[in-house]
Amino acid sequence: MSEDIKEAVSRKASTATFLQTLSAVLWSFFGVRKGKNHSEDMQRLNPVHVIVVGLLAAAAFVLGLLALVNYVVGSA
């Protein structure tokens, strides 16, 4: 039983935090990733978290572009 607990703790310690997931998604939006970081991320990142953060980042990007366009058109 103690082996199961140790494995669960080590698995929990090896999962990525929200900021690490956000960082990986933003770097992928920028298009720059090192091979070493990519392979580490594939082991640690939760696919559901990556999808959620990716959708939120894409929505923020689109809303930012819309706000910029409205600002430029409104000031012209």
Protein backbone atom coordinates (compact mmCIF):
# COMPACT_ATOMS: atom_id res chain seq x y z
CA MET A 1 0.00 0.00 0.00
CA SER A 2 2.82 2.44 0.76
CA GLU A 3 4.22 1.92 -2.76
CA ASP A 4 0.91 3.09 -4.22
CA ILE A 5 1.00 6.21 -2.07
CA LYS A 6 4.59 6.96 -3.07
CA GLU A 7 3.71 6.53 -6.74
CA ALA A 8 0.68 8.82 -6.43
CA VAL A 9 2.75 11.49 -4.67
CA SER A 10 5.51 11.32 -7.28
CA ARG A 11 2.94 11.48 -10.10
CA LYS A 12 1.30 14.51 -8.47
CA ALA A 13 4.67 16.20 -8.02
CA SER A 14 5.54 15.62 -11.67
CA THR A 15 2.35 17.20 -13.07
CA ALA A 16 2.60 20.73 -14.41
CA THR A 17 1.16 23.76 -12.66
CA PHE A 18 -1.23 26.20 -14.31
CA LEU A 19 1.58 28.67 -15.02
CA GLN A 20 3.70 25.95 -16.63
CA THR A 21 0.75 24.95 -18.81
CA LEU A 22 0.12 28.58 -19.73
CA SER A 23 3.78 29.05 -20.57
CA ALA A 24 3.81 26.00 -22.84
CA VAL A 25 0.67 27.16 -24.65
CA LEU A 26 1.93 30.73 -25.12
CA TRP A 27 5.28 29.51 -26.44
CA SER A 28 3.42 27.28 -28.88
CA PHE A 29 1.35 30.27 -30.05
CA PHE A 30 4.62 32.11 -30.65
CA GLY A 31 5.97 29.07 -32.49
CA VAL A 32 9.22 28.63 -30.59
CA ARG A 33 9.86 25.48 -28.55
CA LYS A 34 13.03 23.58 -27.80
CA GLY A 35 12.92 19.84 -28.38
CA LYS A 36 13.91 19.12 -24.77
CA ASN A 37 11.14 21.32 -23.38
CA HIS A 38 8.62 19.81 -25.76
CA SER A 39 9.38 16.26 -24.65
CA GLU A 40 9.24 17.27 -20.98
CA ASP A 41 5.89 18.98 -21.54
CA MET A 42 4.45 15.89 -23.23
CA GLN A 43 5.16 13.91 -20.08
CA ARG A 44 3.92 16.47 -17.56
CA LEU A 45 1.05 18.39 -19.16
CA ASN A 46 -2.55 17.28 -18.87
CA PRO A 47 -4.17 17.37 -22.34
CA VAL A 48 -7.45 18.71 -20.94
CA HIS A 49 -5.64 21.60 -19.27
CA VAL A 50 -3.76 22.37 -22.48
CA ILE A 51 -7.01 22.49 -24.46
CA VAL A 52 -8.74 24.74 -21.91
CA VAL A 53 -5.77 27.12 -21.65
CA GLY A 54 -5.41 27.13 -25.44
CA LEU A 55 -9.05 28.06 -25.95
CA LEU A 56 -8.82 30.80 -23.32
CA ALA A 57 -5.62 32.18 -24.84
CA ALA A 58 -7.14 32.15 -28.33
CA ALA A 59 -10.25 33.95 -27.05
CA ALA A 60 -8.09 36.56 -25.29
CA PHE A 61 -6.08 37.04 -28.50
CA VAL A 62 -9.20 37.55 -30.61
CA LEU A 63 -10.76 39.91 -28.05
CA GLY A 64 -7.50 41.87 -27.91
CA LEU A 65 -7.47 42.23 -31.68
CA LEU A 66 -11.10 43.35 -31.69
CA ALA A 67 -10.37 45.94 -29.00
CA LEU A 68 -7.36 47.21 -30.96
CA VAL A 69 -9.38 47.51 -34.18
CA ASN A 70 -12.22 49.31 -32.39
CA TYR A 71 -9.72 51.70 -30.83
CA VAL A 72 -8.00 52.45 -34.17
CA VAL A 73 -11.28 52.84 -36.07
CA GLY A 74 -12.80 54.96 -33.31
CA SER A 75 -9.86 57.35 -33.18
CA ALA A 76 -9.73 57.85 -36.97
